[in-house]
Amino acid sequence: MKGIVFTEFLELVEDKFGLEVVDKIIQQSNLPSQGVYTAIGTYDFSEMLGLLKHLSEHTQLSIDDLLLVYAEHFFSVLASSYPGLIEKYNDPIELLSSIENHIHVEVRKIYPDAELPTFEVLEKTDTKLVMIYKSSRAMYSFGLGLMNKTFEHFDTTAKITFEKLKSDGTEVKFSIVKTNE
């Protein structure tokens, strides 16, 4: 997992819960990296799981809820750091339907060894998008948070529902219906 995901996560934890909580979850997680990350480095996903687990225990928030909040923060990071990825689009449905064929292609140019989920578009109209998320990391709540912020970015709203196609969350069907123009 790319270091930027870790550095931004710890920054968010510090902003929301304080530096003491950052130190606490790093210590509790017994990380091979000792919680020292660089944005361009690559780290084992198990480290993120440890941090999330201990933050969840500390805050009494579910890991899915934490991932949702983190994704909303991360969207802002992407929008400011890589505006070209988003500014190319005029519509949230267009942006979301292009994740696999444009966004992830561009991300791989920046981070060639990034392990990204796949998104298969099953149905797309001007107001509806149905796609399948697949990832061994089961971070579909992170994807949901990014989707929410995408609609907010375009000053529109949508009803986003999901169905776990695999109980462990490694395959999830998202149905997105735009609710205003």
C-alpha atoms as a PDB file:
ATOM      1  CA  MET A   1       0.000   0.000   0.000  1.00  0.00           C
ATOM      2  CA  LYS A   2       1.372   3.395  -0.953  1.00  0.00           C
ATOM      3  CA  GLY A   3       2.789   5.587   1.797  1.00  0.00           C
ATOM      4  CA  ILE A   4       0.559   8.549   0.961  1.00  0.00           C
ATOM      5  CA  VAL A   5      -2.386   6.484   2.218  1.00  0.00           C
ATOM      6  CA  PHE A   6      -0.615   6.065   5.568  1.00  0.00           C
ATOM      7  CA  THR A   7       0.696   9.627   5.896  1.00  0.00           C
ATOM      8  CA  GLU A   8      -2.704  11.127   5.146  1.00  0.00           C
ATOM      9  CA  PHE A   9      -4.428   8.680   7.479  1.00  0.00           C
ATOM     10  CA  LEU A  10      -2.171   9.601  10.392  1.00  0.00           C
ATOM     11  CA  GLU A  11      -2.599  13.304   9.600  1.00  0.00           C
ATOM     12  CA  LEU A  12      -6.369  12.883   9.739  1.00  0.00           C
ATOM     13  CA  VAL A  13      -6.150  10.956  13.030  1.00  0.00           C
ATOM     14  CA  GLU A  14      -4.012  13.724  14.490  1.00  0.00           C
ATOM     15  CA  ASP A  15      -6.447  16.418  13.281  1.00  0.00           C
ATOM     16  CA  LYS A  16      -9.519  14.598  14.628  1.00  0.00           C
ATOM     17  CA  PHE A  17      -8.208  12.878  17.750  1.00  0.00           C
ATOM     18  CA  GLY A  18      -4.816  14.393  18.596  1.00  0.00           C
ATOM     19  CA  LEU A  19      -1.173  13.397  18.440  1.00  0.00           C
ATOM     20  CA  GLU A  20      -1.516  11.240  21.567  1.00  0.00           C
ATOM     21  CA  VAL A  21      -3.971   8.980  19.757  1.00  0.00           C
ATOM     22  CA  VAL A  22      -1.613   8.717  16.774  1.00  0.00           C
ATOM     23  CA  ASP A  23       1.195   7.651  19.105  1.00  0.00           C
ATOM     24  CA  LYS A  24      -1.091   5.228  20.934  1.00  0.00           C
ATOM     25  CA  ILE A  25      -2.359   3.400  17.831  1.00  0.00           C
ATOM     26  CA  ILE A  26       1.166   3.207  16.385  1.00  0.00           C
ATOM     27  CA  GLN A  27       2.475   1.679  19.630  1.00  0.00           C
ATOM     28  CA  GLN A  28      -0.462  -0.746  19.934  1.00  0.00           C
ATOM     29  CA  SER A  29      -0.113  -1.867  16.318  1.00  0.00           C
ATOM     30  CA  ASN A  30       3.512  -3.069  16.704  1.00  0.00           C
ATOM     31  CA  LEU A  31       4.335  -1.995  13.141  1.00  0.00           C
ATOM     32  CA  PRO A  32       7.399  -3.203  11.215  1.00  0.00           C
ATOM     33  CA  SER A  33       7.801   0.391   9.953  1.00  0.00           C
ATOM     34  CA  GLN A  34       7.353   1.717  13.506  1.00  0.00           C
ATOM     35  CA  GLY A  35       4.821   4.149  12.023  1.00  0.00           C
ATOM     36  CA  VAL A  36       7.418   5.994   9.969  1.00  0.00           C
ATOM     37  CA  TYR A  37       6.041   6.483   6.451  1.00  0.00           C
ATOM     38  CA  THR A  38       6.998   8.452   3.362  1.00  0.00           C
ATOM     39  CA  ALA A  39       4.376   9.386   0.784  1.00  0.00           C
ATOM     40  CA  ILE A  40       6.215   7.541  -1.989  1.00  0.00           C
ATOM     41  CA  GLY A  41       7.112   4.443   0.034  1.00  0.00           C
ATOM     42  CA  THR A  42       5.258   1.140  -0.090  1.00  0.00           C
ATOM     43  CA  TYR A  43       4.098  -0.586   3.086  1.00  0.00           C
ATOM     44  CA  ASP A  44       2.284  -3.766   3.974  1.00  0.00           C
ATOM     45  CA  PHE A  45      -1.494  -3.512   4.108  1.00  0.00           C
ATOM     46  CA  SER A  46      -1.432  -5.309   7.463  1.00  0.00           C
ATOM     47  CA  GLU A  47      -0.024  -2.106   8.968  1.00  0.00           C
ATOM     48  CA  MET A  48      -3.118  -0.165   7.881  1.00  0.00           C
ATOM     49  CA  LEU A  49      -5.326  -2.905   9.290  1.00  0.00           C
ATOM     50  CA  GLY A  50      -3.529  -2.659  12.633  1.00  0.00           C
ATOM     51  CA  LEU A  51      -3.876   1.117  12.755  1.00  0.00           C
ATOM     52  CA  LEU A  52      -7.559   0.952  11.812  1.00  0.00           C
ATOM     53  CA  LYS A  53      -8.271  -1.796  14.362  1.00  0.00           C
ATOM     54  CA  HIS A  54      -6.679   0.123  17.207  1.00  0.00           C
ATOM     55  CA  LEU A  55      -8.265   3.428  16.206  1.00  0.00           C
ATOM     56  CA  SER A  56     -11.620   1.658  16.075  1.00  0.00           C
ATOM     57  CA  GLU A  57     -11.089   0.289  19.576  1.00  0.00           C
ATOM     58  CA  HIS A  58     -10.047   3.721  20.865  1.00  0.00           C
ATOM     59  CA  THR A  59     -12.909   5.671  19.232  1.00  0.00           C
ATOM     60  CA  GLN A  60     -15.617   2.995  19.373  1.00  0.00           C
ATOM     61  CA  LEU A  61     -16.254   3.696  15.676  1.00  0.00           C
ATOM     62  CA  SER A  62     -16.427   0.785  13.241  1.00  0.00           C
ATOM     63  CA  ILE A  63     -13.590   0.290  10.780  1.00  0.00           C
ATOM     64  CA  ASP A  64     -16.091   0.876   7.955  1.00  0.00           C
ATOM     65  CA  ASP A  65     -17.121   4.221   9.500  1.00  0.00           C
ATOM     66  CA  LEU A  66     -13.469   5.210   9.919  1.00  0.00           C
ATOM     67  CA  LEU A  67     -12.733   4.302   6.284  1.00  0.00           C
ATOM     68  CA  LEU A  68     -15.703   6.363   5.133  1.00  0.00           C
ATOM     69  CA  VAL A  69     -14.457   9.456   6.982  1.00  0.00           C
ATOM     70  CA  TYR A  70     -10.907   8.848   5.826  1.00  0.00           C
ATOM     71  CA  ALA A  71     -11.986   8.544   2.182  1.00  0.00           C
ATOM     72  CA  GLU A  72     -13.767  11.876   2.378  1.00  0.00           C
ATOM     73  CA  HIS A  73     -10.531  13.442   3.649  1.00  0.00           C
ATOM     74  CA  PHE A  74      -8.478  11.613   1.025  1.00  0.00           C
ATOM     75  CA  PHE A  75     -10.671  12.912  -1.821  1.00  0.00           C
ATOM     76  CA  SER A  76      -9.660  16.458  -0.836  1.00  0.00           C
ATOM     77  CA  VAL A  77      -6.002  15.413  -0.906  1.00  0.00           C
ATOM     78  CA  LEU A  78      -6.406  13.935  -4.387  1.00  0.00           C
ATOM     79  CA  ALA A  79      -8.330  16.965  -5.641  1.00  0.00           C
ATOM     80  CA  SER A  80      -5.642  19.398  -4.466  1.00  0.00           C
ATOM     81  CA  SER A  81      -2.588  17.251  -5.277  1.00  0.00           C
ATOM     82  CA  TYR A  82      -3.769  15.894  -8.642  1.00  0.00           C
ATOM     83  CA  PRO A  83      -6.417  18.326  -9.928  1.00  0.00           C
ATOM     84  CA  GLY A  84      -6.051  17.068 -13.492  1.00  0.00           C
ATOM     85  CA  LEU A  85      -7.572  13.738 -12.518  1.00  0.00           C
ATOM     86  CA  ILE A  86     -10.826  15.429 -11.555  1.00  0.00           C
ATOM     87  CA  GLU A  87     -10.955  18.662 -13.582  1.00  0.00           C
ATOM     88  CA  LYS A  88     -11.218  16.667 -16.809  1.00  0.00           C
ATOM     89  CA  TYR A  89     -14.791  15.754 -15.838  1.00  0.00           C
ATOM     90  CA  ASN A  90     -17.978  17.811 -15.673  1.00  0.00           C
ATOM     91  CA  ASP A  91     -20.142  15.160 -14.090  1.00  0.00           C
ATOM     92  CA  PRO A  92     -19.763  12.721 -11.165  1.00  0.00           C
ATOM     93  CA  ILE A  93     -21.186   9.746 -13.097  1.00  0.00           C
ATOM     94  CA  GLU A  94     -18.610  10.316 -15.853  1.00  0.00           C
ATOM     95  CA  LEU A  95     -15.780  10.527 -13.334  1.00  0.00           C
ATOM     96  CA  LEU A  96     -16.829   7.424 -11.402  1.00  0.00           C
ATOM     97  CA  SER A  97     -17.398   5.370 -14.544  1.00  0.00           C
ATOM     98  CA  SER A  98     -13.865   6.231 -15.692  1.00  0.00           C
ATOM     99  CA  ILE A  99     -12.066   4.989 -12.562  1.00  0.00           C
ATOM    100  CA  GLU A 100     -10.745   1.824 -14.167  1.00  0.00           C
ATOM    101  CA  ASN A 101      -9.881   3.172 -17.626  1.00  0.00           C
ATOM    102  CA  HIS A 102      -8.565   6.640 -16.729  1.00  0.00           C
ATOM    103  CA  ILE A 103      -8.083   7.398 -13.036  1.00  0.00           C
ATOM    104  CA  HIS A 104      -6.308   4.145 -12.187  1.00  0.00           C
ATOM    105  CA  VAL A 105      -4.193   4.390 -15.360  1.00  0.00           C
ATOM    106  CA  GLU A 106      -3.010   7.827 -14.217  1.00  0.00           C
ATOM    107  CA  VAL A 107      -2.431   6.641 -10.642  1.00  0.00           C
ATOM    108  CA  ARG A 108      -0.234   3.820 -11.961  1.00  0.00           C
ATOM    109  CA  LYS A 109       1.871   6.389 -13.849  1.00  0.00           C
ATOM    110  CA  ILE A 110       2.571   8.123 -10.528  1.00  0.00           C
ATOM    111  CA  TYR A 111       2.721   4.946  -8.397  1.00  0.00           C
ATOM    112  CA  PRO A 112       3.592   2.023 -10.717  1.00  0.00           C
ATOM    113  CA  ASP A 113       3.440  -0.577  -7.947  1.00  0.00           C
ATOM    114  CA  ALA A 114       0.136   0.600  -6.471  1.00  0.00           C
ATOM    115  CA  GLU A 115      -2.303  -2.221  -5.758  1.00  0.00           C
ATOM    116  CA  LEU A 116      -5.668  -0.795  -6.762  1.00  0.00           C
ATOM    117  CA  PRO A 117      -9.152  -2.266  -6.622  1.00  0.00           C
ATOM    118  CA  THR A 118     -11.005  -2.949  -9.855  1.00  0.00           C
ATOM    119  CA  PHE A 119     -14.312  -1.395 -10.835  1.00  0.00           C
ATOM    120  CA  GLU A 120     -16.385  -3.089 -13.506  1.00  0.00           C
ATOM    121  CA  VAL A 121     -19.179  -0.924 -14.928  1.00  0.00           C
ATOM    122  CA  LEU A 122     -22.331  -2.985 -15.433  1.00  0.00           C
ATOM    123  CA  GLU A 123     -24.745  -0.193 -16.318  1.00  0.00           C
ATOM    124  CA  LYS A 124     -24.324   3.500 -17.063  1.00  0.00           C
ATOM    125  CA  THR A 125     -26.778   6.235 -18.014  1.00  0.00           C
ATOM    126  CA  ASP A 126     -26.722  10.002 -17.422  1.00  0.00           C
ATOM    127  CA  THR A 127     -28.271   9.488 -13.991  1.00  0.00           C
ATOM    128  CA  LYS A 128     -27.377   5.938 -12.983  1.00  0.00           C
ATOM    129  CA  LEU A 129     -24.240   3.894 -12.533  1.00  0.00           C
ATOM    130  CA  VAL A 130     -23.953   0.280 -11.405  1.00  0.00           C
ATOM    131  CA  MET A 131     -20.499  -1.150 -10.862  1.00  0.00           C
ATOM    132  CA  ILE A 132     -18.743  -4.016  -9.161  1.00  0.00           C
ATOM    133  CA  TYR A 133     -15.857  -3.265  -6.780  1.00  0.00           C
ATOM    134  CA  LYS A 134     -13.304  -6.045  -6.323  1.00  0.00           C
ATOM    135  CA  SER A 135     -10.360  -5.970  -3.940  1.00  0.00           C
ATOM    136  CA  SER A 136      -8.743  -8.473  -1.625  1.00  0.00           C
ATOM    137  CA  ARG A 137      -8.469  -5.609   0.875  1.00  0.00           C
ATOM    138  CA  ALA A 138     -12.246  -5.217   1.243  1.00  0.00           C
ATOM    139  CA  MET A 139     -12.042  -1.426   1.608  1.00  0.00           C
ATOM    140  CA  TYR A 140     -15.377  -0.793  -0.101  1.00  0.00           C
ATOM    141  CA  SER A 141     -16.273   1.785   2.578  1.00  0.00           C
ATOM    142  CA  PHE A 142     -13.261   3.791   1.431  1.00  0.00           C
ATOM    143  CA  GLY A 143     -14.684   3.616  -2.103  1.00  0.00           C
ATOM    144  CA  LEU A 144     -18.085   4.707  -0.822  1.00  0.00           C
ATOM    145  CA  GLY A 145     -16.549   7.743   0.869  1.00  0.00           C
ATOM    146  CA  LEU A 146     -14.756   8.715  -2.336  1.00  0.00           C
ATOM    147  CA  MET A 147     -18.031   8.366  -4.242  1.00  0.00           C
ATOM    148  CA  ASN A 148     -19.860  10.581  -1.726  1.00  0.00           C
ATOM    149  CA  LYS A 149     -17.208  13.287  -2.040  1.00  0.00           C
ATOM    150  CA  THR A 150     -17.280  13.027  -5.838  1.00  0.00           C
ATOM    151  CA  PHE A 151     -20.938  14.009  -5.861  1.00  0.00           C
ATOM    152  CA  GLU A 152     -20.304  16.756  -3.316  1.00  0.00           C
ATOM    153  CA  HIS A 153     -17.443  18.068  -5.475  1.00  0.00           C
ATOM    154  CA  PHE A 154     -19.827  18.406  -8.419  1.00  0.00           C
ATOM    155  CA  ASP A 155     -22.453  20.061  -6.183  1.00  0.00           C
ATOM    156  CA  THR A 156     -24.979  17.317  -6.771  1.00  0.00           C
ATOM    157  CA  THR A 157     -26.377  14.425  -4.787  1.00  0.00           C
ATOM    158  CA  ALA A 158     -26.968  10.743  -5.310  1.00  0.00           C
ATOM    159  CA  LYS A 159     -28.442   7.761  -3.579  1.00  0.00           C
ATOM    160  CA  ILE A 160     -25.624   5.242  -3.302  1.00  0.00           C
ATOM    161  CA  THR A 161     -26.451   1.735  -2.177  1.00  0.00           C
ATOM    162  CA  PHE A 162     -24.270  -1.331  -2.076  1.00  0.00           C
ATOM    163  CA  GLU A 163     -24.658  -5.067  -1.821  1.00  0.00           C
ATOM    164  CA  LYS A 164     -21.870  -7.347  -0.688  1.00  0.00           C
ATOM    165  CA  LEU A 165     -21.549 -10.043  -3.325  1.00  0.00           C
ATOM    166  CA  LYS A 166     -19.000 -11.776  -1.100  1.00  0.00           C
ATOM    167  CA  SER A 167     -19.624 -11.675   2.632  1.00  0.00           C
ATOM    168  CA  ASP A 168     -16.054 -10.573   3.380  1.00  0.00           C
ATOM    169  CA  GLY A 169     -16.529  -7.364   1.359  1.00  0.00           C
ATOM    170  CA  THR A 170     -13.984  -8.266  -1.317  1.00  0.00           C
ATOM    171  CA  GLU A 171     -16.656  -7.991  -4.016  1.00  0.00           C
ATOM    172  CA  VAL A 172     -19.367  -5.345  -3.712  1.00  0.00           C
ATOM    173  CA  LYS A 173     -22.004  -4.090  -6.138  1.00  0.00           C
ATOM    174  CA  PHE A 174     -22.578  -0.326  -5.990  1.00  0.00           C
ATOM    175  CA  SER A 175     -25.766   1.218  -7.383  1.00  0.00           C
ATOM    176  CA  ILE A 176     -25.620   4.970  -7.772  1.00  0.00           C
ATOM    177  CA  VAL A 177     -28.584   7.122  -8.800  1.00  0.00           C
ATOM    178  CA  LYS A 178     -28.135  10.862  -9.225  1.00  0.00           C
ATOM    179  CA  THR A 179     -30.922  12.683  -7.370  1.00  0.00           C
ATOM    180  CA  ASN A 180     -30.529  16.242  -8.707  1.00  0.00           C
ATOM    181  CA  GLU A 181     -28.899  18.152 -11.529  1.00  0.00           C
END
